[in-house]
PDB file of N, CA and C in Angstrom:
ATOM      1  N   MET A   1    -142.597   2.007 -77.043  1.00  0.00           N
ATOM      2  CA  MET A   1    -142.009   2.769 -76.259  1.00  0.00           C
ATOM      3  C   MET A   1    -139.993   2.886 -76.573  1.00  0.00           C
ATOM      4  N   ALA A   2    -139.202   3.313 -76.749  1.00  0.00           N
ATOM      5  CA  ALA A   2    -138.068   3.194 -76.856  1.00  0.00           C
ATOM      6  C   ALA A   2    -137.413   2.237 -76.494  1.00  0.00           C
ATOM      7  N   GLU A   3    -136.503   1.446 -76.964  1.00  0.00           N
ATOM      8  CA  GLU A   3    -135.408   0.337 -77.051  1.00  0.00           C
ATOM      9  C   GLU A   3    -134.326   1.047 -75.623  1.00  0.00           C
ATOM     10  N   PRO A   4    -133.888   0.906 -74.934  1.00  0.00           N
ATOM     11  CA  PRO A   4    -132.792   0.886 -74.267  1.00  0.00           C
ATOM     12  C   PRO A   4    -131.366   0.686 -74.799  1.00  0.00           C
ATOM     13  N   THR A   5    -130.360   1.681 -75.339  1.00  0.00           N
ATOM     14  CA  THR A   5    -129.450   1.008 -75.828  1.00  0.00           C
ATOM     15  C   THR A   5    -128.346   1.499 -74.626  1.00  0.00           C
ATOM     16  N   ALA A   6    -127.393   0.859 -75.216  1.00  0.00           N
ATOM     17  CA  ALA A   6    -125.962   0.749 -74.564  1.00  0.00           C
ATOM     18  C   ALA A   6    -125.332   1.859 -74.794  1.00  0.00           C
ATOM     19  N   ALA A   7    -124.522   2.708 -73.645  1.00  0.00           N
ATOM     20  CA  ALA A   7    -123.764   3.944 -73.707  1.00  0.00           C
ATOM     21  C   ALA A   7    -122.548   3.540 -73.765  1.00  0.00           C
ATOM     22  N   VAL A   8    -122.050   2.390 -73.007  1.00  0.00           N
ATOM     23  CA  VAL A   8    -121.087   1.651 -73.831  1.00  0.00           C
ATOM     24  C   VAL A   8    -120.292   0.490 -74.880  1.00  0.00           C
ATOM     25  N   GLU A   9    -119.024   1.742 -75.032  1.00  0.00           N
ATOM     26  CA  GLU A   9    -118.778   0.954 -76.678  1.00  0.00           C
ATOM     27  C   GLU A   9    -117.437  -0.165 -76.501  1.00  0.00           C
ATOM     28  N   LEU A  10    -117.256  -1.225 -77.006  1.00  0.00           N
ATOM     29  CA  LEU A  10    -117.037  -2.378 -77.106  1.00  0.00           C
ATOM     30  C   LEU A  10    -115.593  -1.944 -77.288  1.00  0.00           C
ATOM     31  N   VAL A  11    -114.490  -2.073 -76.836  1.00  0.00           N
ATOM     32  CA  VAL A  11    -112.911  -1.670 -76.628  1.00  0.00           C
ATOM     33  C   VAL A  11    -112.691  -2.793 -77.614  1.00  0.00           C
ATOM     34  N   SER A  12    -112.136  -2.765 -79.119  1.00  0.00           N
ATOM     35  CA  SER A  12    -111.356  -3.521 -79.614  1.00  0.00           C
ATOM     36  C   SER A  12    -109.832  -3.731 -78.783  1.00  0.00           C
ATOM     37  N   SER A  13    -109.205  -4.778 -79.177  1.00  0.00           N
ATOM     38  CA  SER A  13    -108.624  -5.835 -77.909  1.00  0.00           C
ATOM     39  C   SER A  13    -107.228  -5.332 -78.409  1.00  0.00           C
ATOM     40  N   GLU A  14    -106.841  -4.730 -79.718  1.00  0.00           N
ATOM     41  CA  GLU A  14    -105.840  -3.749 -79.856  1.00  0.00           C
ATOM     42  C   GLU A  14    -105.825  -2.464 -79.004  1.00  0.00           C
ATOM     43  N   ALA A  15    -106.843  -1.883 -79.515  1.00  0.00           N
ATOM     44  CA  ALA A  15    -107.162  -0.374 -78.446  1.00  0.00           C
ATOM     45  C   ALA A  15    -106.447  -0.446 -76.941  1.00  0.00           C
ATOM     46  N   PHE A  16    -106.736  -1.783 -76.545  1.00  0.00           N
ATOM     47  CA  PHE A  16    -106.723  -2.345 -75.152  1.00  0.00           C
ATOM     48  C   PHE A  16    -105.550  -2.807 -75.400  1.00  0.00           C
ATOM     49  N   VAL A  17    -105.002  -3.157 -75.808  1.00  0.00           N
ATOM     50  CA  VAL A  17    -103.249  -3.434 -75.618  1.00  0.00           C
ATOM     51  C   VAL A  17    -102.388  -2.351 -75.738  1.00  0.00           C
ATOM     52  N   LYS A  18    -102.734  -1.387 -76.492  1.00  0.00           N
ATOM     53  CA  LYS A  18    -102.079  -0.025 -76.693  1.00  0.00           C
ATOM     54  C   LYS A  18    -101.883   0.956 -75.389  1.00  0.00           C
ATOM     55  N   GLY A  19    -103.707   0.744 -75.069  1.00  0.00           N
ATOM     56  CA  GLY A  19    -104.104   1.589 -73.888  1.00  0.00           C
ATOM     57  C   GLY A  19    -102.844   1.042 -72.549  1.00  0.00           C
ATOM     58  N   CYS A  20    -102.212  -0.223 -72.528  1.00  0.00           N
ATOM     59  CA  CYS A  20    -102.116  -0.992 -71.374  1.00  0.00           C
ATOM     60  C   CYS A  20    -100.594  -0.690 -71.582  1.00  0.00           C
ATOM     61  N   ALA A  21    -100.214  -0.616 -72.760  1.00  0.00           N
ATOM     62  CA  ALA A  21     -98.610  -0.745 -72.878  1.00  0.00           C
ATOM     63  C   ALA A  21     -98.317   0.624 -72.942  1.00  0.00           C
ATOM     64  N   ALA A  22     -99.592   1.937 -73.205  1.00  0.00           N
ATOM     65  CA  ALA A  22     -99.225   2.952 -72.748  1.00  0.00           C
ATOM     66  C   ALA A  22     -98.800   3.626 -70.955  1.00  0.00           C
ATOM     67  N   ILE A  23     -99.970   2.916 -70.051  1.00  0.00           N
ATOM     68  CA  ILE A  23     -99.860   2.785 -68.330  1.00  0.00           C
ATOM     69  C   ILE A  23     -98.847   2.326 -68.329  1.00  0.00           C
ATOM     70  N   GLY A  24     -98.281   1.162 -68.808  1.00  0.00           N
ATOM     71  CA  GLY A  24     -97.093   0.020 -68.842  1.00  0.00           C
ATOM     72  C   GLY A  24     -96.035   1.673 -68.363  1.00  0.00           C
ATOM     73  N   ALA A  25     -95.835   1.896 -69.772  1.00  0.00           N
ATOM     74  CA  ALA A  25     -94.918   2.719 -70.126  1.00  0.00           C
ATOM     75  C   ALA A  25     -94.518   3.853 -69.112  1.00  0.00           C
ATOM     76  N   GLY A  26     -95.815   4.392 -68.879  1.00  0.00           N
ATOM     77  CA  GLY A  26     -95.585   5.248 -67.581  1.00  0.00           C
ATOM     78  C   GLY A  26     -94.905   5.355 -66.474  1.00  0.00           C
ATOM     79  N   LEU A  27     -95.784   3.908 -66.153  1.00  0.00           N
ATOM     80  CA  LEU A  27     -95.374   3.430 -64.472  1.00  0.00           C
ATOM     81  C   LEU A  27     -93.737   2.829 -65.011  1.00  0.00           C
ATOM     82  N   ALA A  28     -93.542   2.640 -65.674  1.00  0.00           N
ATOM     83  CA  ALA A  28     -91.769   2.548 -65.813  1.00  0.00           C
ATOM     84  C   ALA A  28     -91.059   3.487 -65.917  1.00  0.00           C
ATOM     85  N   VAL A  29     -91.326   4.588 -66.157  1.00  0.00           N
ATOM     86  CA  VAL A  29     -90.486   6.078 -66.455  1.00  0.00           C
ATOM     87  C   VAL A  29     -90.569   6.370 -64.816  1.00  0.00           C
ATOM     88  N   GLY A  30     -92.154   6.572 -64.552  1.00  0.00           N
ATOM     89  CA  GLY A  30     -92.392   7.219 -63.415  1.00  0.00           C
ATOM     90  C   GLY A  30     -91.780   6.617 -62.175  1.00  0.00           C
ATOM     91  N   LEU A  31     -91.816   5.447 -61.907  1.00  0.00           N
ATOM     92  CA  LEU A  31     -91.700   4.339 -60.784  1.00  0.00           C
ATOM     93  C   LEU A  31     -90.077   4.632 -60.332  1.00  0.00           C
ATOM     94  N   ALA A  32     -89.575   4.307 -61.882  1.00  0.00           N
ATOM     95  CA  ALA A  32     -87.640   4.181 -61.591  1.00  0.00           C
ATOM     96  C   ALA A  32     -87.018   5.379 -61.928  1.00  0.00           C
ATOM     97  N   GLY A  33     -88.037   6.531 -61.972  1.00  0.00           N
ATOM     98  CA  GLY A  33     -87.361   7.951 -61.771  1.00  0.00           C
ATOM     99  C   GLY A  33     -87.754   8.037 -60.136  1.00  0.00           C
ATOM    100  N   ILE A  34     -88.690   7.700 -59.568  1.00  0.00           N
ATOM    101  CA  ILE A  34     -89.238   8.209 -58.034  1.00  0.00           C
ATOM    102  C   ILE A  34     -88.275   7.143 -57.010  1.00  0.00           C
ATOM    103  N   GLY A  35     -87.492   5.352 -57.325  1.00  0.00           N
ATOM    104  CA  GLY A  35     -86.587   5.179 -57.432  1.00  0.00           C
ATOM    105  C   GLY A  35     -84.973   5.659 -57.060  1.00  0.00           C
ATOM    106  N   ALA A  36     -85.052   6.237 -58.224  1.00  0.00           N
ATOM    107  CA  ALA A  36     -83.458   6.476 -58.348  1.00  0.00           C
ATOM    108  C   ALA A  36     -83.994   8.004 -57.804  1.00  0.00           C
ATOM    109  N   GLY A  37     -84.299   8.986 -57.700  1.00  0.00           N
ATOM    110  CA  GLY A  37     -84.780   9.960 -56.340  1.00  0.00           C
ATOM    111  C   GLY A  37     -84.012   9.563 -54.989  1.00  0.00           C
ATOM    112  N   ALA A  38     -84.935   8.404 -54.375  1.00  0.00           N
ATOM    113  CA  ALA A  38     -84.866   8.251 -53.327  1.00  0.00           C
ATOM    114  C   ALA A  38     -83.534   7.343 -53.071  1.00  0.00           C
ATOM    115  N   GLY A  39     -82.853   6.728 -53.846  1.00  0.00           N
ATOM    116  CA  GLY A  39     -81.371   6.176 -53.603  1.00  0.00           C
ATOM    117  C   GLY A  39     -80.395   7.226 -53.594  1.00  0.00           C
ATOM    118  N   GLU A  40     -80.603   8.438 -54.576  1.00  0.00           N
ATOM    119  CA  GLU A  40     -79.671   9.245 -54.909  1.00  0.00           C
ATOM    120  C   GLU A  40     -79.633  10.331 -53.489  1.00  0.00           C
ATOM    121  N   SER A  41     -80.659  10.174 -53.107  1.00  0.00           N
ATOM    122  CA  SER A  41     -80.637  11.285 -52.202  1.00  0.00           C
ATOM    123  C   SER A  41     -79.587  11.135 -50.792  1.00  0.00           C
ATOM    124  N   GLY A  42     -79.955   9.948 -50.210  1.00  0.00           N
ATOM    125  CA  GLY A  42     -78.849   9.489 -49.418  1.00  0.00           C
ATOM    126  C   GLY A  42     -77.526   9.287 -49.843  1.00  0.00           C
ATOM    127  N   ILE A  43     -77.056   8.988 -51.153  1.00  0.00           N
ATOM    128  CA  ILE A  43     -75.628   8.766 -51.964  1.00  0.00           C
ATOM    129  C   ILE A  43     -75.061  10.124 -51.829  1.00  0.00           C
ATOM    130  N   GLY A  44     -76.401  11.243 -52.048  1.00  0.00           N
ATOM    131  CA  GLY A  44     -75.654  12.293 -52.471  1.00  0.00           C
ATOM    132  C   GLY A  44     -75.466  12.915 -51.694  1.00  0.00           C
ATOM    133  N   ALA A  45     -75.897  13.013 -50.283  1.00  0.00           N
ATOM    134  CA  ALA A  45     -75.479  13.839 -48.910  1.00  0.00           C
ATOM    135  C   ALA A  45     -74.496  13.190 -48.469  1.00  0.00           C
ATOM    136  N   ALA A  46     -73.921  11.988 -48.883  1.00  0.00           N
ATOM    137  CA  ALA A  46     -72.686  10.660 -47.953  1.00  0.00           C
ATOM    138  C   ALA A  46     -71.754  11.120 -49.089  1.00  0.00           C
ATOM    139  N   ALA A  47     -72.193  11.353 -50.497  1.00  0.00           N
ATOM    140  CA  ALA A  47     -71.169  11.999 -51.071  1.00  0.00           C
ATOM    141  C   ALA A  47     -70.561  13.569 -50.968  1.00  0.00           C
ATOM    142  N   VAL A  48     -71.544  14.260 -50.685  1.00  0.00           N
ATOM    143  CA  VAL A  48     -71.212  15.767 -50.447  1.00  0.00           C
ATOM    144  C   VAL A  48     -69.923  15.744 -49.090  1.00  0.00           C
ATOM    145  N   GLY A  49     -70.791  14.979 -48.045  1.00  0.00           N
ATOM    146  CA  GLY A  49     -69.980  14.811 -47.273  1.00  0.00           C
ATOM    147  C   GLY A  49     -67.989  14.636 -47.114  1.00  0.00           C
ATOM    148  N   ALA A  50     -68.583  13.484 -47.704  1.00  0.00           N
ATOM    149  CA  ALA A  50     -66.823  12.940 -47.910  1.00  0.00           C
ATOM    150  C   ALA A  50     -66.178  13.746 -48.547  1.00  0.00           C
ATOM    151  N   ILE A  51     -66.653  14.194 -50.006  1.00  0.00           N
ATOM    152  CA  ILE A  51     -65.971  15.850 -50.386  1.00  0.00           C
ATOM    153  C   ILE A  51     -65.392  16.770 -49.994  1.00  0.00           C
ATOM    154  N   ALA A  52     -66.176  16.857 -48.887  1.00  0.00           N
ATOM    155  CA  ALA A  52     -66.032  17.992 -47.793  1.00  0.00           C
ATOM    156  C   ALA A  52     -64.691  18.062 -47.239  1.00  0.00           C
ATOM    157  N   GLU A  53     -64.938  16.568 -46.759  1.00  0.00           N
ATOM    158  CA  GLU A  53     -63.724  16.027 -45.678  1.00  0.00           C
ATOM    159  C   GLU A  53     -62.246  15.813 -46.448  1.00  0.00           C
ATOM    160  N   ASP A  54     -62.659  15.315 -47.672  1.00  0.00           N
ATOM    161  CA  ASP A  54     -61.342  14.165 -48.260  1.00  0.00           C
ATOM    162  C   ASP A  54     -61.348  15.130 -50.213  1.00  0.00           C
ATOM    163  N   ARG A  55     -61.050  15.691 -50.785  1.00  0.00           N
ATOM    164  CA  ARG A  55     -61.091  15.836 -52.402  1.00  0.00           C
ATOM    165  C   ARG A  55     -60.803  14.528 -52.833  1.00  0.00           C
ATOM    166  N   GLY A  56     -60.109  13.844 -52.402  1.00  0.00           N
ATOM    167  CA  GLY A  56     -59.773  12.597 -52.840  1.00  0.00           C
ATOM    168  C   GLY A  56     -61.238  12.151 -53.348  1.00  0.00           C
ATOM    169  N   PHE A  57     -62.319  12.193 -52.470  1.00  0.00           N
ATOM    170  CA  PHE A  57     -63.157  10.930 -52.904  1.00  0.00           C
ATOM    171  C   PHE A  57     -64.559  11.801 -53.958  1.00  0.00           C
ATOM    172  N   LEU A  58     -63.713  12.694 -54.739  1.00  0.00           N
ATOM    173  CA  LEU A  58     -64.886  13.477 -56.047  1.00  0.00           C
ATOM    174  C   LEU A  58     -64.754  12.763 -57.085  1.00  0.00           C
ATOM    175  N   GLY A  59     -64.157  11.399 -57.431  1.00  0.00           N
ATOM    176  CA  GLY A  59     -64.368  10.708 -58.522  1.00  0.00           C
ATOM    177  C   GLY A  59     -65.530   9.413 -58.528  1.00  0.00           C
ATOM    178  N   LEU A  60     -64.844   9.007 -56.707  1.00  0.00           N
ATOM    179  CA  LEU A  60     -65.936   8.156 -55.803  1.00  0.00           C
ATOM    180  C   LEU A  60     -66.623   8.657 -55.776  1.00  0.00           C
ATOM    181  N   GLY A  61     -67.087   9.844 -55.133  1.00  0.00           N
ATOM    182  CA  GLY A  61     -68.283  10.361 -55.003  1.00  0.00           C
ATOM    183  C   GLY A  61     -69.455  10.321 -56.681  1.00  0.00           C
ATOM    184  N   LEU A  62     -68.722  10.698 -57.118  1.00  0.00           N
ATOM    185  CA  LEU A  62     -69.445  10.856 -58.835  1.00  0.00           C
ATOM    186  C   LEU A  62     -70.174   9.852 -59.143  1.00  0.00           C
ATOM    187  N   LEU A  63     -69.166   8.755 -59.195  1.00  0.00           N
ATOM    188  CA  LEU A  63     -69.249   7.451 -59.411  1.00  0.00           C
ATOM    189  C   LEU A  63     -70.431   6.937 -59.284  1.00  0.00           C
ATOM    190  N   PHE A  64     -70.713   7.038 -57.953  1.00  0.00           N
ATOM    191  CA  PHE A  64     -71.831   6.461 -56.452  1.00  0.00           C
ATOM    192  C   PHE A  64     -72.915   7.200 -57.222  1.00  0.00           C
ATOM    193  N   THR A  65     -73.048   8.290 -57.398  1.00  0.00           N
ATOM    194  CA  THR A  65     -73.904   9.435 -57.711  1.00  0.00           C
ATOM    195  C   THR A  65     -74.719   9.195 -58.954  1.00  0.00           C
ATOM    196  N   VAL A  66     -73.805   8.953 -59.802  1.00  0.00           N
ATOM    197  CA  VAL A  66     -74.650   8.312 -60.990  1.00  0.00           C
ATOM    198  C   VAL A  66     -74.957   7.020 -61.749  1.00  0.00           C
ATOM    199  N   ILE A  67     -74.486   6.029 -60.473  1.00  0.00           N
ATOM    200  CA  ILE A  67     -74.818   4.722 -60.400  1.00  0.00           C
ATOM    201  C   ILE A  67     -76.601   4.469 -60.798  1.00  0.00           C
ATOM    202  N   PRO A  68     -77.827   5.394 -59.455  1.00  0.00           N
ATOM    203  CA  PRO A  68     -78.676   5.235 -59.768  1.00  0.00           C
ATOM    204  C   PRO A  68     -79.390   5.510 -60.668  1.00  0.00           C
ATOM    205  N   GLU A  69     -78.690   6.637 -61.525  1.00  0.00           N
ATOM    206  CA  GLU A  69     -79.434   6.886 -62.400  1.00  0.00           C
ATOM    207  C   GLU A  69     -79.482   5.823 -64.123  1.00  0.00           C
ATOM    208  N   THR A  70     -78.634   4.627 -63.800  1.00  0.00           N
ATOM    209  CA  THR A  70     -79.038   3.626 -64.606  1.00  0.00           C
ATOM    210  C   THR A  70     -80.386   3.210 -64.344  1.00  0.00           C
ATOM    211  N   ILE A  71     -81.114   3.173 -63.176  1.00  0.00           N
ATOM    212  CA  ILE A  71     -82.178   2.383 -63.138  1.00  0.00           C
ATOM    213  C   ILE A  71     -83.094   3.007 -64.269  1.00  0.00           C
ATOM    214  N   VAL A  72     -83.358   4.732 -64.253  1.00  0.00           N
ATOM    215  CA  VAL A  72     -83.561   5.182 -65.085  1.00  0.00           C
ATOM    216  C   VAL A  72     -83.735   5.342 -66.678  1.00  0.00           C
ATOM    217  N   ILE A  73     -82.726   5.002 -66.568  1.00  0.00           N
ATOM    218  CA  ILE A  73     -82.458   4.815 -68.245  1.00  0.00           C
ATOM    219  C   ILE A  73     -82.700   3.836 -68.514  1.00  0.00           C
ATOM    220  N   PHE A  74     -82.571   2.735 -67.712  1.00  0.00           N
ATOM    221  CA  PHE A  74     -83.770   1.330 -68.176  1.00  0.00           C
ATOM    222  C   PHE A  74     -84.989   1.425 -68.034  1.00  0.00           C
ATOM    223  N   GLY A  75     -85.432   2.148 -67.637  1.00  0.00           N
ATOM    224  CA  GLY A  75     -86.571   2.124 -67.113  1.00  0.00           C
ATOM    225  C   GLY A  75     -87.293   2.824 -68.222  1.00  0.00           C
ATOM    226  N   LEU A  76     -86.747   4.193 -69.630  1.00  0.00           N
ATOM    227  CA  LEU A  76     -86.713   4.917 -70.063  1.00  0.00           C
ATOM    228  C   LEU A  76     -86.793   3.609 -71.595  1.00  0.00           C
ATOM    229  N   VAL A  77     -85.523   2.622 -71.061  1.00  0.00           N
ATOM    230  CA  VAL A  77     -85.654   1.563 -72.138  1.00  0.00           C
ATOM    231  C   VAL A  77     -86.509   0.723 -72.236  1.00  0.00           C
ATOM    232  N   ILE A  78     -87.237   0.289 -71.367  1.00  0.00           N
ATOM    233  CA  ILE A  78     -88.617  -0.686 -71.413  1.00  0.00           C
ATOM    234  C   ILE A  78     -89.863   0.272 -71.879  1.00  0.00           C
ATOM    235  N   SER A  79     -90.040   1.337 -71.327  1.00  0.00           N
ATOM    236  CA  SER A  79     -91.060   2.215 -71.746  1.00  0.00           C
ATOM    237  C   SER A  79     -90.967   2.106 -73.612  1.00  0.00           C
ATOM    238  N   PHE A  80     -89.737   2.423 -73.944  1.00  0.00           N
ATOM    239  CA  PHE A  80     -90.443   2.694 -75.885  1.00  0.00           C
ATOM    240  C   PHE A  80     -90.383   0.842 -75.946  1.00  0.00           C
ATOM    241  N   ILE A  81     -89.533  -0.172 -75.862  1.00  0.00           N
ATOM    242  CA  ILE A  81     -90.191  -1.475 -75.944  1.00  0.00           C
ATOM    243  C   ILE A  81     -91.543  -1.591 -75.690  1.00  0.00           C
ATOM    244  N   LEU A  82     -92.336  -0.933 -74.917  1.00  0.00           N
ATOM    245  CA  LEU A  82     -93.397  -1.327 -74.557  1.00  0.00           C
ATOM    246  C   LEU A  82     -94.480   0.022 -75.439  1.00  0.00           C
ATOM    247  N   MET A  83     -93.558   0.856 -75.819  1.00  0.00           N
ATOM    248  CA  MET A  83     -94.558   1.483 -76.666  1.00  0.00           C
ATOM    249  C   MET A  83     -94.330   1.024 -77.761  1.00  0.00           C
ATOM    250  N   PHE A  84     -93.517   0.594 -78.240  1.00  0.00           N
ATOM    251  CA  PHE A  84     -93.181   0.250 -80.106  1.00  0.00           C
ATOM    252  C   PHE A  84     -93.227  -0.458 -80.469  1.00  0.00           C
ATOM    253  N   ALA A  85     -93.552  -1.732 -79.542  1.00  0.00           N
ATOM    254  CA  ALA A  85     -93.599  -3.029 -79.748  1.00  0.00           C
ATOM    255  C   ALA A  85     -95.014  -4.128 -79.935  1.00  0.00           C
ATOM    256  N   TYR A  86     -96.112  -2.769 -79.178  1.00  0.00           N
ATOM    257  CA  TYR A  86     -97.385  -3.466 -79.640  1.00  0.00           C
ATOM    258  C   TYR A  86     -98.079  -2.116 -80.356  1.00  0.00           C
TER     259      TYR A  86
END
């Protein structure tokens, strides 16, 4: 009778860490993008309304619209750290 063999191969510790780092990097960029998009939706609508009433709010509206984008940049930096540190 044939011996049963395990079809599952053990994953090395290094490969597991690299896989987890890749998943973490993807989550860092993806969730940061979703959060920034949710934040920008309300800010952008308010900025357009304020600019429609008074042109003087153009610079302030653009500034407040750009601020949530820093979250995405931080997520991208974290993903690079995760990908290249391990």
